[in-house]
Amino acid sequence: MLQDIADGIQKGLNGKSFDGSLKFDCGEAGVIVLADNQATTQDQEADCTIRISQDNLTKLLTGKLNPMTGVAMGKLKISGNMGVAMKLGQLLG
């Protein structure tokens, strides 16, 4: 399932540039790492980590979960470089 999400993110990255690295940590379900304009399910160090459930990650990527609301409600936790997390919003928008 996470591989399907990673593939969707990869399609969205085509033609766009994303500086830095970002990890979506979905706990037991695994991780998705965005680095070097690639989306992978291979775990690695990242500039910024977003801890989020797989269900909420899907909602975030489809626009059904606002990132700021998600943070305020505790549905996602951001650690590391906040600037990288902010770039994600521009990428998804």
C-alpha atoms as a PDB file:
ATOM      1  CA  MET A   1       0.000   0.000   0.000  1.00  0.00           C
ATOM      2  CA  LEU A   2       2.764   2.474   0.862  1.00  0.00           C
ATOM      3  CA  GLN A   3       4.442   1.599  -2.442  1.00  0.00           C
ATOM      4  CA  ASP A   4       1.269   2.716  -4.261  1.00  0.00           C
ATOM      5  CA  ILE A   5       1.345   6.018  -2.361  1.00  0.00           C
ATOM      6  CA  ALA A   6       5.073   6.431  -3.136  1.00  0.00           C
ATOM      7  CA  ASP A   7       4.367   5.785  -6.828  1.00  0.00           C
ATOM      8  CA  GLY A   8       1.671   8.474  -6.769  1.00  0.00           C
ATOM      9  CA  ILE A   9       4.050  10.942  -5.123  1.00  0.00           C
ATOM     10  CA  GLN A  10       6.679  10.072  -7.731  1.00  0.00           C
ATOM     11  CA  LYS A  11       4.233  10.934 -10.529  1.00  0.00           C
ATOM     12  CA  GLY A  12       3.532  14.246  -8.803  1.00  0.00           C
ATOM     13  CA  LEU A  13       7.262  14.995  -8.602  1.00  0.00           C
ATOM     14  CA  ASN A  14       7.783  14.688 -12.349  1.00  0.00           C
ATOM     15  CA  GLY A  15       8.766  18.061 -13.731  1.00  0.00           C
ATOM     16  CA  LYS A  16       9.065  19.590 -10.251  1.00  0.00           C
ATOM     17  CA  SER A  17      12.091  20.055  -8.061  1.00  0.00           C
ATOM     18  CA  PHE A  18      12.179  19.299  -4.352  1.00  0.00           C
ATOM     19  CA  ASP A  19      15.234  20.443  -2.396  1.00  0.00           C
ATOM     20  CA  GLY A  20      16.088  18.577   0.780  1.00  0.00           C
ATOM     21  CA  SER A  21      14.793  15.254   2.013  1.00  0.00           C
ATOM     22  CA  LEU A  22      11.570  14.387   3.766  1.00  0.00           C
ATOM     23  CA  LYS A  23      10.423  11.190   5.439  1.00  0.00           C
ATOM     24  CA  PHE A  24       6.835  10.150   6.095  1.00  0.00           C
ATOM     25  CA  ASP A  25       7.059   7.730   9.016  1.00  0.00           C
ATOM     26  CA  CYS A  26       3.894   5.619   9.097  1.00  0.00           C
ATOM     27  CA  GLY A  27       5.066   3.435  11.980  1.00  0.00           C
ATOM     28  CA  GLU A  28       4.425  -0.286  11.447  1.00  0.00           C
ATOM     29  CA  ALA A  29       3.239   0.356   7.877  1.00  0.00           C
ATOM     30  CA  GLY A  30       6.699   1.642   6.866  1.00  0.00           C
ATOM     31  CA  VAL A  31       8.126   4.871   5.484  1.00  0.00           C
ATOM     32  CA  ILE A  32       8.142   6.950   2.333  1.00  0.00           C
ATOM     33  CA  VAL A  33      11.238   9.075   1.758  1.00  0.00           C
ATOM     34  CA  LEU A  34      11.417  11.961  -0.716  1.00  0.00           C
ATOM     35  CA  ALA A  35      15.025  12.697  -1.642  1.00  0.00           C
ATOM     36  CA  ASP A  36      16.790  13.671  -4.867  1.00  0.00           C
ATOM     37  CA  ASN A  37      13.398  14.024  -6.616  1.00  0.00           C
ATOM     38  CA  GLN A  38      12.657  10.357  -5.891  1.00  0.00           C
ATOM     39  CA  ALA A  39       9.970   8.803  -3.700  1.00  0.00           C
ATOM     40  CA  THR A  40      11.049   5.518  -2.139  1.00  0.00           C
ATOM     41  CA  THR A  41       9.932   3.165   0.612  1.00  0.00           C
ATOM     42  CA  GLN A  42      13.570   2.545   1.615  1.00  0.00           C
ATOM     43  CA  ASP A  43      14.225   3.973   5.078  1.00  0.00           C
ATOM     44  CA  GLN A  44      17.027   6.529   5.292  1.00  0.00           C
ATOM     45  CA  GLU A  45      17.978   9.669   7.169  1.00  0.00           C
ATOM     46  CA  ALA A  46      16.049  12.780   6.132  1.00  0.00           C
ATOM     47  CA  ASP A  47      16.189  16.528   6.848  1.00  0.00           C
ATOM     48  CA  CYS A  48      12.610  16.414   8.105  1.00  0.00           C
ATOM     49  CA  THR A  49      10.427  13.598   9.418  1.00  0.00           C
ATOM     50  CA  ILE A  50       6.640  13.638   9.497  1.00  0.00           C
ATOM     51  CA  ARG A  51       5.082  10.983  11.729  1.00  0.00           C
ATOM     52  CA  ILE A  52       1.624  10.212  10.403  1.00  0.00           C
ATOM     53  CA  SER A  53      -0.694   7.227  10.028  1.00  0.00           C
ATOM     54  CA  GLN A  54      -1.035   5.714   6.573  1.00  0.00           C
ATOM     55  CA  ASP A  55      -4.715   6.692   6.505  1.00  0.00           C
ATOM     56  CA  ASN A  56      -3.948  10.321   7.403  1.00  0.00           C
ATOM     57  CA  LEU A  57      -1.081  10.397   4.879  1.00  0.00           C
ATOM     58  CA  THR A  58      -3.550   9.462   2.145  1.00  0.00           C
ATOM     59  CA  LYS A  59      -5.898  12.222   3.353  1.00  0.00           C
ATOM     60  CA  LEU A  60      -3.009  14.727   3.442  1.00  0.00           C
ATOM     61  CA  LEU A  61      -1.910  13.911  -0.107  1.00  0.00           C
ATOM     62  CA  THR A  62      -5.450  14.044  -1.500  1.00  0.00           C
ATOM     63  CA  GLY A  63      -6.210  17.396   0.135  1.00  0.00           C
ATOM     64  CA  LYS A  64      -8.702  15.980   2.655  1.00  0.00           C
ATOM     65  CA  LEU A  65      -6.411  16.826   5.588  1.00  0.00           C
ATOM     66  CA  ASN A  66      -5.023  20.333   5.960  1.00  0.00           C
ATOM     67  CA  PRO A  67      -1.398  20.120   7.214  1.00  0.00           C
ATOM     68  CA  MET A  68      -1.844  22.879   9.816  1.00  0.00           C
ATOM     69  CA  THR A  69      -5.070  21.342  11.097  1.00  0.00           C
ATOM     70  CA  GLY A  70      -3.365  17.953  11.195  1.00  0.00           C
ATOM     71  CA  VAL A  71      -0.551  19.309  13.368  1.00  0.00           C
ATOM     72  CA  ALA A  72      -2.996  21.141  15.652  1.00  0.00           C
ATOM     73  CA  MET A  73      -5.098  17.982  16.085  1.00  0.00           C
ATOM     74  CA  GLY A  74      -2.050  15.788  16.665  1.00  0.00           C
ATOM     75  CA  LYS A  75      -2.656  13.738  13.521  1.00  0.00           C
ATOM     76  CA  LEU A  76       0.874  14.430  12.334  1.00  0.00           C
ATOM     77  CA  LYS A  77       4.084  15.349  14.099  1.00  0.00           C
ATOM     78  CA  ILE A  78       6.927  17.159  12.361  1.00  0.00           C
ATOM     79  CA  SER A  79      10.542  16.971  13.498  1.00  0.00           C
ATOM     80  CA  GLY A  80      13.718  18.299  11.921  1.00  0.00           C
ATOM     81  CA  ASN A  81      13.897  21.080   9.337  1.00  0.00           C
ATOM     82  CA  MET A  82      10.520  22.825   9.211  1.00  0.00           C
ATOM     83  CA  GLY A  83      11.531  24.631   6.003  1.00  0.00           C
ATOM     84  CA  VAL A  84      11.558  21.293   4.173  1.00  0.00           C
ATOM     85  CA  ALA A  85       8.063  20.529   5.477  1.00  0.00           C
ATOM     86  CA  MET A  86       6.859  23.910   4.190  1.00  0.00           C
ATOM     87  CA  LYS A  87       8.231  23.112   0.709  1.00  0.00           C
ATOM     88  CA  LEU A  88       6.046  20.004   0.665  1.00  0.00           C
ATOM     89  CA  GLY A  89       2.961  22.210   0.795  1.00  0.00           C
ATOM     90  CA  GLN A  90       4.106  24.045  -2.339  1.00  0.00           C
ATOM     91  CA  LEU A  91       4.839  20.747  -4.042  1.00  0.00           C
ATOM     92  CA  LEU A  92       1.410  19.310  -3.252  1.00  0.00           C
ATOM     93  CA  GLY A  93      -0.397  22.533  -4.056  1.00  0.00           C
END
